Amino acid sequence: MRRFSYLCAATLAAVAVPTTALAQTPCLNAAEAEAVAAVTFPDIILETGRVCTALPATSIVRRTSGPFLARYQAEADRAWPTARQAIAKLSDPRVSMLLLQSDYARPLITSLIAPMVVGQIQQSDCGTIDRIVTLLEPLPARNTAGIVVATIQHLKAEKARGTASVANVPDLPVCTAAKR
């Protein structure tokens, strides 16, 4: 489960284009972070299926088409305008002006992020990932993005408290969760 949490964290860490000083990097609110996660999910799912070859071809993460992936693609399409603004918020203004307005921006960004996230997966993780994705499958893709962001916010809060088990979680440009 900890590796899954790291994978969730890596999803958003991968889109943070470094700015001049980390302390000056703005954070993404929950809606922005969820949009970025949603945009990356279809490619991450497909890439996970390519990595997890030990799983049966019928496994949800090994499927290359169908209603599950179509729902995630539809959510990615819906979330792209918000994700583009979120990425621009984290990026050098020159990058956002040139790249993010292009039709090539989204495929370029997702093609960079998916291998970075999925590159952390070991074959021994595939069964757990398949189980988690199977449990998430009935949920709307938007809910999955919310779960990923809530997990990241939790890990970030635990890291700030000095919890040793999350010490290696990357610093992420996600704002802390609002107190309830």
N, C-alpha and C. Protein backbone atom coordinates (compact mmCIF):
# COMPACT_ATOMS: atom_id res chain seq x y z
N MET A 1 0.83 -1.20 0.00
CA MET A 1 0.00 0.00 0.00
C MET A 1 0.87 1.25 0.00
N ARG A 2 2.00 1.18 0.69
CA ARG A 2 2.87 2.35 0.74
C ARG A 2 3.38 2.67 -0.66
N ARG A 3 3.73 1.63 -1.46
CA ARG A 3 4.21 1.88 -2.82
C ARG A 3 3.11 2.55 -3.64
N PHE A 4 1.83 2.12 -3.45
CA PHE A 4 0.73 2.77 -4.16
C PHE A 4 0.64 4.24 -3.78
N SER A 5 0.84 4.55 -2.50
CA SER A 5 0.82 5.94 -2.06
C SER A 5 1.93 6.73 -2.72
N TYR A 6 3.10 6.11 -2.84
CA TYR A 6 4.21 6.78 -3.52
C TYR A 6 3.87 7.01 -4.99
N LEU A 7 3.20 6.05 -5.62
CA LEU A 7 2.82 6.21 -7.01
C LEU A 7 1.83 7.35 -7.16
N CYS A 8 0.90 7.46 -6.22
CA CYS A 8 -0.04 8.58 -6.24
C CYS A 8 0.73 9.90 -6.13
N ALA A 9 1.67 9.93 -5.22
CA ALA A 9 2.46 11.14 -5.02
C ALA A 9 3.28 11.46 -6.25
N ALA A 10 3.84 10.46 -6.88
CA ALA A 10 4.67 10.68 -8.06
C ALA A 10 3.86 11.24 -9.21
N THR A 11 2.59 10.90 -9.30
CA THR A 11 1.75 11.42 -10.36
C THR A 11 1.77 12.94 -10.40
N LEU A 12 1.61 13.56 -9.25
CA LEU A 12 1.61 15.02 -9.22
C LEU A 12 3.01 15.61 -9.15
N ALA A 13 3.94 14.92 -8.56
CA ALA A 13 5.31 15.43 -8.51
C ALA A 13 5.88 15.56 -9.90
N ALA A 14 5.49 14.67 -10.76
CA ALA A 14 6.04 14.64 -12.10
C ALA A 14 5.67 15.87 -12.93
N VAL A 15 4.58 16.54 -12.62
CA VAL A 15 4.17 17.68 -13.42
C VAL A 15 4.74 19.00 -12.92
N ALA A 16 5.39 18.99 -11.81
CA ALA A 16 5.90 20.22 -11.23
C ALA A 16 7.19 20.62 -11.92
N VAL A 17 7.11 21.50 -12.90
CA VAL A 17 8.29 22.00 -13.57
C VAL A 17 8.99 22.96 -12.61
N PRO A 18 10.25 22.69 -12.29
CA PRO A 18 10.92 23.52 -11.30
C PRO A 18 10.93 24.99 -11.69
N THR A 19 10.72 25.83 -10.71
CA THR A 19 10.83 27.26 -10.91
C THR A 19 12.13 27.72 -10.28
N THR A 20 12.36 29.02 -10.21
CA THR A 20 13.64 29.52 -9.74
C THR A 20 13.94 29.14 -8.30
N ALA A 21 12.94 29.04 -7.45
CA ALA A 21 13.18 28.66 -6.06
C ALA A 21 12.00 27.84 -5.58
N LEU A 22 12.29 26.70 -4.98
CA LEU A 22 11.23 25.81 -4.51
C LEU A 22 10.30 26.52 -3.53
N ALA A 23 10.86 27.39 -2.69
CA ALA A 23 10.04 28.09 -1.71
C ALA A 23 9.01 29.00 -2.39
N GLN A 24 9.28 29.40 -3.61
CA GLN A 24 8.36 30.28 -4.33
C GLN A 24 7.33 29.52 -5.15
N THR A 25 7.46 28.21 -5.23
CA THR A 25 6.54 27.41 -6.02
C THR A 25 5.16 27.45 -5.39
N PRO A 26 4.15 27.85 -6.15
CA PRO A 26 2.80 27.83 -5.59
C PRO A 26 2.31 26.39 -5.46
N CYS A 27 1.27 26.22 -4.69
CA CYS A 27 0.71 24.88 -4.55
C CYS A 27 -0.60 24.80 -5.33
N LEU A 28 -0.96 23.58 -5.69
CA LEU A 28 -2.21 23.33 -6.38
C LEU A 28 -3.29 23.05 -5.35
N ASN A 29 -4.45 23.67 -5.53
CA ASN A 29 -5.56 23.35 -4.66
C ASN A 29 -6.11 21.97 -5.08
N ALA A 30 -7.02 21.44 -4.32
CA ALA A 30 -7.53 20.08 -4.57
C ALA A 30 -8.11 19.95 -5.98
N ALA A 31 -8.88 20.91 -6.44
CA ALA A 31 -9.50 20.81 -7.77
C ALA A 31 -8.43 20.79 -8.86
N GLU A 32 -7.41 21.63 -8.72
CA GLU A 32 -6.34 21.67 -9.72
C GLU A 32 -5.55 20.36 -9.72
N ALA A 33 -5.21 19.89 -8.53
CA ALA A 33 -4.45 18.64 -8.42
C ALA A 33 -5.26 17.46 -8.96
N GLU A 34 -6.55 17.43 -8.68
CA GLU A 34 -7.41 16.37 -9.19
C GLU A 34 -7.48 16.41 -10.71
N ALA A 35 -7.51 17.59 -11.29
CA ALA A 35 -7.53 17.71 -12.75
C ALA A 35 -6.25 17.17 -13.36
N VAL A 36 -5.11 17.49 -12.76
CA VAL A 36 -3.84 16.98 -13.26
C VAL A 36 -3.82 15.45 -13.16
N ALA A 37 -4.26 14.93 -12.04
CA ALA A 37 -4.30 13.47 -11.87
C ALA A 37 -5.22 12.85 -12.91
N ALA A 38 -6.39 13.42 -13.10
CA ALA A 38 -7.36 12.86 -14.06
C ALA A 38 -6.79 12.84 -15.48
N VAL A 39 -6.08 13.87 -15.85
CA VAL A 39 -5.51 13.94 -17.20
C VAL A 39 -4.46 12.85 -17.41
N THR A 40 -3.75 12.50 -16.37
CA THR A 40 -2.68 11.51 -16.52
C THR A 40 -3.16 10.06 -16.40
N PHE A 41 -4.31 9.84 -15.80
CA PHE A 41 -4.78 8.48 -15.53
C PHE A 41 -4.83 7.56 -16.76
N PRO A 42 -5.41 7.97 -17.90
CA PRO A 42 -5.47 7.01 -19.02
C PRO A 42 -4.10 6.49 -19.43
N ASP A 43 -3.11 7.36 -19.53
CA ASP A 43 -1.78 6.91 -19.91
C ASP A 43 -1.13 6.08 -18.82
N ILE A 44 -1.38 6.44 -17.57
CA ILE A 44 -0.82 5.66 -16.46
C ILE A 44 -1.42 4.26 -16.44
N ILE A 45 -2.72 4.17 -16.67
CA ILE A 45 -3.38 2.86 -16.69
C ILE A 45 -2.82 2.01 -17.83
N LEU A 46 -2.71 2.59 -19.03
CA LEU A 46 -2.19 1.84 -20.17
C LEU A 46 -0.74 1.42 -19.94
N GLU A 47 0.07 2.32 -19.42
CA GLU A 47 1.47 2.01 -19.15
C GLU A 47 1.60 0.94 -18.07
N THR A 48 0.74 0.99 -17.05
CA THR A 48 0.76 -0.03 -16.01
C THR A 48 0.45 -1.40 -16.61
N GLY A 49 -0.49 -1.45 -17.52
CA GLY A 49 -0.80 -2.71 -18.20
C GLY A 49 0.37 -3.25 -18.99
N ARG A 50 1.17 -2.36 -19.58
CA ARG A 50 2.35 -2.81 -20.33
C ARG A 50 3.44 -3.34 -19.39
N VAL A 51 3.50 -2.78 -18.18
CA VAL A 51 4.52 -3.21 -17.21
C VAL A 51 4.10 -4.50 -16.52
N CYS A 52 2.84 -4.60 -16.18
CA CYS A 52 2.36 -5.74 -15.37
C CYS A 52 1.99 -6.93 -16.25
N THR A 53 2.95 -7.41 -16.98
CA THR A 53 2.71 -8.51 -17.91
C THR A 53 2.41 -9.84 -17.22
N ALA A 54 2.74 -9.95 -15.94
CA ALA A 54 2.45 -11.19 -15.22
C ALA A 54 0.95 -11.33 -14.90
N LEU A 55 0.22 -10.23 -14.96
CA LEU A 55 -1.22 -10.29 -14.72
C LEU A 55 -1.91 -10.91 -15.93
N PRO A 56 -3.06 -11.54 -15.70
CA PRO A 56 -3.80 -12.10 -16.85
C PRO A 56 -4.25 -10.97 -17.80
N ALA A 57 -4.38 -11.31 -19.06
CA ALA A 57 -4.80 -10.33 -20.06
C ALA A 57 -6.17 -9.73 -19.74
N THR A 58 -6.98 -10.43 -18.96
CA THR A 58 -8.31 -9.95 -18.59
C THR A 58 -8.27 -8.96 -17.42
N SER A 59 -7.12 -8.81 -16.80
CA SER A 59 -6.98 -7.87 -15.68
C SER A 59 -7.38 -6.47 -16.13
N ILE A 60 -8.00 -5.73 -15.24
CA ILE A 60 -8.49 -4.39 -15.59
C ILE A 60 -7.36 -3.47 -16.04
N VAL A 61 -6.18 -3.59 -15.46
CA VAL A 61 -5.07 -2.71 -15.86
C VAL A 61 -4.40 -3.18 -17.14
N ARG A 62 -4.69 -4.37 -17.61
CA ARG A 62 -4.10 -4.87 -18.86
C ARG A 62 -4.99 -4.58 -20.06
N ARG A 63 -6.22 -4.16 -19.81
CA ARG A 63 -7.14 -3.88 -20.93
C ARG A 63 -6.71 -2.58 -21.63
N THR A 64 -6.70 -2.61 -22.94
CA THR A 64 -6.29 -1.42 -23.70
C THR A 64 -7.47 -0.64 -24.26
N SER A 65 -8.67 -1.12 -23.97
CA SER A 65 -9.89 -0.41 -24.39
C SER A 65 -11.04 -0.91 -23.53
N GLY A 66 -12.21 -0.33 -23.76
CA GLY A 66 -13.40 -0.75 -23.02
C GLY A 66 -13.97 0.39 -22.19
N PRO A 67 -15.08 0.12 -21.51
CA PRO A 67 -15.79 1.17 -20.78
C PRO A 67 -14.97 1.80 -19.64
N PHE A 68 -14.17 1.00 -18.95
CA PHE A 68 -13.36 1.53 -17.85
C PHE A 68 -12.40 2.61 -18.37
N LEU A 69 -11.62 2.26 -19.36
CA LEU A 69 -10.65 3.21 -19.91
C LEU A 69 -11.37 4.38 -20.58
N ALA A 70 -12.50 4.13 -21.22
CA ALA A 70 -13.26 5.20 -21.87
C ALA A 70 -13.74 6.23 -20.85
N ARG A 71 -14.17 5.78 -19.67
CA ARG A 71 -14.60 6.72 -18.61
C ARG A 71 -13.44 7.60 -18.17
N TYR A 72 -12.27 6.99 -18.02
CA TYR A 72 -11.10 7.76 -17.60
C TYR A 72 -10.65 8.74 -18.69
N GLN A 73 -10.77 8.33 -19.94
CA GLN A 73 -10.41 9.23 -21.04
C GLN A 73 -11.39 10.40 -21.11
N ALA A 74 -12.69 10.13 -20.93
CA ALA A 74 -13.69 11.21 -20.94
C ALA A 74 -13.42 12.20 -19.80
N GLU A 75 -13.07 11.70 -18.63
CA GLU A 75 -12.75 12.58 -17.50
C GLU A 75 -11.48 13.37 -17.78
N ALA A 76 -10.50 12.74 -18.41
CA ALA A 76 -9.26 13.44 -18.76
C ALA A 76 -9.56 14.58 -19.72
N ASP A 77 -10.42 14.34 -20.69
CA ASP A 77 -10.80 15.39 -21.64
C ASP A 77 -11.49 16.55 -20.92
N ARG A 78 -12.39 16.22 -20.00
CA ARG A 78 -13.11 17.24 -19.25
C ARG A 78 -12.16 18.04 -18.36
N ALA A 79 -11.18 17.37 -17.78
CA ALA A 79 -10.28 18.00 -16.81
C ALA A 79 -9.13 18.79 -17.45
N TRP A 80 -8.86 18.59 -18.73
CA TRP A 80 -7.69 19.20 -19.35
C TRP A 80 -7.62 20.72 -19.20
N PRO A 81 -8.69 21.49 -19.42
CA PRO A 81 -8.54 22.95 -19.26
C PRO A 81 -8.07 23.35 -17.85
N THR A 82 -8.61 22.72 -16.83
CA THR A 82 -8.19 23.03 -15.46
C THR A 82 -6.76 22.55 -15.22
N ALA A 83 -6.43 21.36 -15.72
CA ALA A 83 -5.07 20.83 -15.56
C ALA A 83 -4.06 21.73 -16.26
N ARG A 84 -4.40 22.21 -17.45
CA ARG A 84 -3.50 23.10 -18.19
C ARG A 84 -3.22 24.36 -17.37
N GLN A 85 -4.25 24.93 -16.76
CA GLN A 85 -4.06 26.12 -15.92
C GLN A 85 -3.21 25.78 -14.69
N ALA A 86 -3.43 24.60 -14.12
CA ALA A 86 -2.65 24.19 -12.95
C ALA A 86 -1.18 24.01 -13.30
N ILE A 87 -0.91 23.39 -14.43
CA ILE A 87 0.47 23.19 -14.86
C ILE A 87 1.12 24.54 -15.15
N ALA A 88 0.37 25.44 -15.77
CA ALA A 88 0.90 26.79 -16.03
C ALA A 88 1.24 27.49 -14.72
N LYS A 89 0.44 27.27 -13.71
CA LYS A 89 0.66 27.88 -12.39
C LYS A 89 2.01 27.43 -11.81
N LEU A 90 2.41 26.20 -12.10
CA LEU A 90 3.65 25.65 -11.56
C LEU A 90 4.85 25.87 -12.49
N SER A 91 4.60 26.30 -13.70
CA SER A 91 5.64 26.36 -14.72
C SER A 91 6.21 27.75 -14.90
N ASP A 92 7.32 27.77 -15.56
CA ASP A 92 7.92 29.01 -16.01
C ASP A 92 6.92 29.66 -16.98
N PRO A 93 6.63 30.93 -16.84
CA PRO A 93 5.64 31.57 -17.73
C PRO A 93 5.96 31.42 -19.21
N ARG A 94 7.24 31.38 -19.57
CA ARG A 94 7.60 31.21 -20.98
C ARG A 94 7.19 29.83 -21.47
N VAL A 95 7.28 28.82 -20.61
CA VAL A 95 6.88 27.47 -20.98
C VAL A 95 5.38 27.42 -21.20
N SER A 96 4.65 28.01 -20.28
CA SER A 96 3.20 27.93 -20.39
C SER A 96 2.70 28.67 -21.62
N MET A 97 3.33 29.76 -21.97
CA MET A 97 2.90 30.52 -23.15
C MET A 97 3.16 29.73 -24.43
N LEU A 98 4.31 29.11 -24.52
CA LEU A 98 4.68 28.41 -25.75
C LEU A 98 4.10 27.01 -25.83
N LEU A 99 4.25 26.25 -24.79
CA LEU A 99 3.89 24.84 -24.85
C LEU A 99 2.43 24.56 -24.54
N LEU A 100 1.93 25.12 -23.48
CA LEU A 100 0.61 24.71 -23.00
C LEU A 100 -0.53 25.12 -23.91
N GLN A 101 -0.32 26.09 -24.77
CA GLN A 101 -1.37 26.48 -25.71
C GLN A 101 -1.40 25.60 -26.95
N SER A 102 -0.39 24.77 -27.10
CA SER A 102 -0.26 23.90 -28.27
C SER A 102 -1.13 22.65 -28.12
N ASP A 103 -1.55 22.11 -29.25
CA ASP A 103 -2.28 20.84 -29.26
C ASP A 103 -1.38 19.68 -28.84
N TYR A 104 -0.08 19.91 -28.85
CA TYR A 104 0.88 18.87 -28.48
C TYR A 104 1.15 18.82 -26.98
N ALA A 105 0.68 19.81 -26.25
CA ALA A 105 1.01 19.91 -24.82
C ALA A 105 0.53 18.70 -24.03
N ARG A 106 -0.72 18.39 -24.16
CA ARG A 106 -1.29 17.30 -23.34
C ARG A 106 -0.61 15.96 -23.62
N PRO A 107 -0.49 15.53 -24.90
CA PRO A 107 0.18 14.25 -25.12
C PRO A 107 1.65 14.27 -24.67
N LEU A 108 2.29 15.40 -24.81
CA LEU A 108 3.68 15.50 -24.37
C LEU A 108 3.77 15.35 -22.85
N ILE A 109 2.92 16.06 -22.14
CA ILE A 109 2.94 16.01 -20.67
C ILE A 109 2.61 14.61 -20.17
N THR A 110 1.56 14.02 -20.70
CA THR A 110 1.18 12.69 -20.22
C THR A 110 2.20 11.63 -20.62
N SER A 111 2.84 11.79 -21.77
CA SER A 111 3.86 10.82 -22.17
C SER A 111 5.12 10.92 -21.32
N LEU A 112 5.33 12.06 -20.69
CA LEU A 112 6.45 12.21 -19.77
C LEU A 112 6.10 11.70 -18.37
N ILE A 113 4.88 11.98 -17.94
CA ILE A 113 4.47 11.63 -16.58
C ILE A 113 4.25 10.13 -16.41
N ALA A 114 3.53 9.51 -17.32
CA ALA A 114 3.17 8.09 -17.15
C ALA A 114 4.40 7.21 -16.93
N PRO A 115 5.44 7.30 -17.74
CA PRO A 115 6.61 6.44 -17.47
C PRO A 115 7.31 6.75 -16.15
N MET A 116 7.28 8.01 -15.72
CA MET A 116 7.90 8.34 -14.44
C MET A 116 7.13 7.71 -13.29
N VAL A 117 5.82 7.71 -13.36
CA VAL A 117 5.00 7.12 -12.31
C VAL A 117 5.10 5.60 -12.37
N VAL A 118 4.88 5.05 -13.55
CA VAL A 118 4.84 3.60 -13.71
C VAL A 118 6.24 2.99 -13.58
N GLY A 119 7.27 3.77 -13.81
CA GLY A 119 8.63 3.28 -13.65
C GLY A 119 8.95 2.83 -12.24
N GLN A 120 8.15 3.23 -11.28
CA GLN A 120 8.34 2.84 -9.88
C GLN A 120 7.70 1.49 -9.57
N ILE A 121 6.93 0.96 -10.49
CA ILE A 121 6.20 -0.29 -10.25
C ILE A 121 7.13 -1.49 -10.42
N GLN A 122 7.07 -2.37 -9.45
CA GLN A 122 7.77 -3.66 -9.52
C GLN A 122 6.71 -4.72 -9.87
N GLN A 123 7.13 -5.81 -10.52
CA GLN A 123 6.19 -6.89 -10.84
C GLN A 123 5.46 -7.36 -9.59
N SER A 124 6.14 -7.34 -8.45
CA SER A 124 5.51 -7.78 -7.21
C SER A 124 4.39 -6.84 -6.75
N ASP A 125 4.35 -5.63 -7.29
CA ASP A 125 3.30 -4.66 -6.96
C ASP A 125 2.04 -4.86 -7.80
N CYS A 126 2.16 -5.55 -8.91
CA CYS A 126 1.07 -5.59 -9.88
C CYS A 126 -0.21 -6.20 -9.34
N GLY A 127 -0.12 -7.24 -8.55
CA GLY A 127 -1.32 -7.84 -7.97
C GLY A 127 -2.06 -6.87 -7.07
N THR A 128 -1.32 -6.13 -6.26
CA THR A 128 -1.94 -5.14 -5.37
C THR A 128 -2.55 -4.00 -6.17
N ILE A 129 -1.83 -3.54 -7.17
CA ILE A 129 -2.35 -2.46 -8.02
C ILE A 129 -3.62 -2.92 -8.72
N ASP A 130 -3.61 -4.13 -9.25
CA ASP A 130 -4.80 -4.66 -9.92
C ASP A 130 -5.98 -4.72 -8.95
N ARG A 131 -5.73 -5.15 -7.74
CA ARG A 131 -6.80 -5.22 -6.72
C ARG A 131 -7.35 -3.83 -6.42
N ILE A 132 -6.46 -2.86 -6.22
CA ILE A 132 -6.90 -1.49 -5.92
C ILE A 132 -7.70 -0.92 -7.09
N VAL A 133 -7.20 -1.08 -8.31
CA VAL A 133 -7.91 -0.55 -9.48
C VAL A 133 -9.25 -1.25 -9.65
N THR A 134 -9.30 -2.54 -9.39
CA THR A 134 -10.57 -3.27 -9.47
C THR A 134 -11.57 -2.73 -8.46
N LEU A 135 -11.10 -2.41 -7.26
CA LEU A 135 -11.99 -1.83 -6.25
C LEU A 135 -12.45 -0.42 -6.63
N LEU A 136 -11.59 0.32 -7.31
CA LEU A 136 -11.93 1.68 -7.72
C LEU A 136 -12.79 1.71 -8.99
N GLU A 137 -12.78 0.63 -9.75
CA GLU A 137 -13.44 0.58 -11.06
C GLU A 137 -14.88 1.07 -11.07
N PRO A 138 -15.72 0.72 -10.08
CA PRO A 138 -17.10 1.19 -10.14
C PRO A 138 -17.25 2.70 -9.89
N LEU A 139 -16.25 3.31 -9.30
CA LEU A 139 -16.33 4.74 -8.99
C LEU A 139 -16.14 5.60 -10.23
N PRO A 140 -16.74 6.77 -10.25
CA PRO A 140 -16.43 7.71 -11.34
C PRO A 140 -14.94 8.06 -11.30
N ALA A 141 -14.37 8.31 -12.46
CA ALA A 141 -12.95 8.66 -12.55
C ALA A 141 -12.62 9.88 -11.70
N ARG A 142 -13.56 10.78 -11.60
CA ARG A 142 -13.35 11.99 -10.78
C ARG A 142 -13.12 11.62 -9.31
N ASN A 143 -13.84 10.61 -8.83
CA ASN A 143 -13.65 10.17 -7.44
C ASN A 143 -12.26 9.58 -7.24
N THR A 144 -11.78 8.84 -8.22
CA THR A 144 -10.43 8.27 -8.12
C THR A 144 -9.40 9.39 -8.03
N ALA A 145 -9.56 10.42 -8.83
CA ALA A 145 -8.65 11.57 -8.76
C ALA A 145 -8.71 12.20 -7.37
N GLY A 146 -9.90 12.30 -6.82
CA GLY A 146 -10.05 12.84 -5.46
C GLY A 146 -9.36 11.98 -4.42
N ILE A 147 -9.44 10.66 -4.57
CA ILE A 147 -8.78 9.75 -3.63
C ILE A 147 -7.26 9.91 -3.73
N VAL A 148 -6.75 10.02 -4.94
CA VAL A 148 -5.30 10.20 -5.12
C VAL A 148 -4.85 11.50 -4.46
N VAL A 149 -5.57 12.58 -4.69
CA VAL A 149 -5.17 13.87 -4.12
C VAL A 149 -5.31 13.86 -2.60
N ALA A 150 -6.37 13.27 -2.07
CA ALA A 150 -6.52 13.17 -0.62
C ALA A 150 -5.37 12.35 -0.02
N THR A 151 -4.95 11.30 -0.70
CA THR A 151 -3.82 10.49 -0.24
C THR A 151 -2.55 11.33 -0.23
N ILE A 152 -2.34 12.08 -1.28
CA ILE A 152 -1.15 12.94 -1.36
C ILE A 152 -1.17 13.98 -0.24
N GLN A 153 -2.31 14.59 -0.02
CA GLN A 153 -2.41 15.59 1.06
C GLN A 153 -2.13 14.95 2.41
N HIS A 154 -2.63 13.73 2.62
CA HIS A 154 -2.37 13.02 3.87
C HIS A 154 -0.88 12.73 4.03
N LEU A 155 -0.26 12.21 2.98
CA LEU A 155 1.18 11.91 3.04
C LEU A 155 2.00 13.17 3.30
N LYS A 156 1.59 14.25 2.67
CA LYS A 156 2.30 15.52 2.87
C LYS A 156 2.17 15.98 4.32
N ALA A 157 0.99 15.86 4.90
CA ALA A 157 0.78 16.25 6.29
C ALA A 157 1.58 15.35 7.23
N GLU A 158 1.61 14.05 6.95
CA GLU A 158 2.38 13.12 7.77
C GLU A 158 3.88 13.43 7.68
N LYS A 159 4.32 13.75 6.50
CA LYS A 159 5.73 14.09 6.32
C LYS A 159 6.08 15.35 7.11
N ALA A 160 5.19 16.33 7.07
CA ALA A 160 5.41 17.58 7.82
C ALA A 160 5.46 17.32 9.32
N ARG A 161 4.72 16.31 9.79
CA ARG A 161 4.74 15.94 11.22
C ARG A 161 5.98 15.12 11.58
N GLY A 162 6.76 14.75 10.57
CA GLY A 162 7.98 14.00 10.83
C GLY A 162 7.79 12.50 10.90
N THR A 163 6.70 11.99 10.35
CA THR A 163 6.45 10.55 10.36
C THR A 163 7.52 9.86 9.52
N ALA A 164 8.27 8.98 10.14
CA ALA A 164 9.41 8.34 9.49
C ALA A 164 9.01 7.50 8.28
N SER A 165 7.88 6.84 8.31
CA SER A 165 7.49 5.95 7.22
C SER A 165 7.21 6.68 5.91
N VAL A 166 7.02 7.99 5.95
CA VAL A 166 6.77 8.74 4.72
C VAL A 166 7.90 9.74 4.44
N ALA A 167 9.02 9.56 5.07
CA ALA A 167 10.14 10.50 4.91
C ALA A 167 10.63 10.59 3.47
N ASN A 168 10.49 9.52 2.70
CA ASN A 168 10.97 9.52 1.32
C ASN A 168 9.93 9.97 0.31
N VAL A 169 8.74 10.34 0.75
CA VAL A 169 7.72 10.84 -0.16
C VAL A 169 8.20 12.18 -0.71
N PRO A 170 8.15 12.35 -2.03
CA PRO A 170 8.65 13.61 -2.59
C PRO A 170 7.81 14.81 -2.13
N ASP A 171 8.47 15.96 -2.06
CA ASP A 171 7.73 17.19 -1.78
C ASP A 171 6.89 17.51 -3.00
N LEU A 172 5.65 17.77 -2.77
CA LEU A 172 4.71 17.95 -3.87
C LEU A 172 4.08 19.34 -3.83
N PRO A 173 3.76 19.86 -4.99
CA PRO A 173 3.15 21.20 -5.04
C PRO A 173 1.64 21.16 -4.82
N VAL A 174 1.19 20.35 -3.88
CA VAL A 174 -0.23 20.25 -3.56
C VAL A 174 -0.46 20.95 -2.23
N CYS A 175 -1.42 21.84 -2.18
CA CYS A 175 -1.74 22.55 -0.95
C CYS A 175 -2.25 21.55 0.09
N THR A 176 -2.00 21.85 1.34
CA THR A 176 -2.53 20.97 2.38
C THR A 176 -4.04 21.03 2.38
N ALA A 177 -4.64 19.96 2.85
CA ALA A 177 -6.11 19.89 2.89
C ALA A 177 -6.66 20.90 3.88
N ALA A 178 -7.81 21.43 3.54
CA ALA A 178 -8.48 22.36 4.44
C ALA A 178 -8.96 21.60 5.68
N LYS A 179 -8.85 22.22 6.83
CA LYS A 179 -9.31 21.59 8.07
C LYS A 179 -10.82 21.50 8.05
N ARG A 180 -11.34 20.40 8.52
CA ARG A 180 -12.80 20.22 8.58
C ARG A 180 -13.26 20.29 9.99
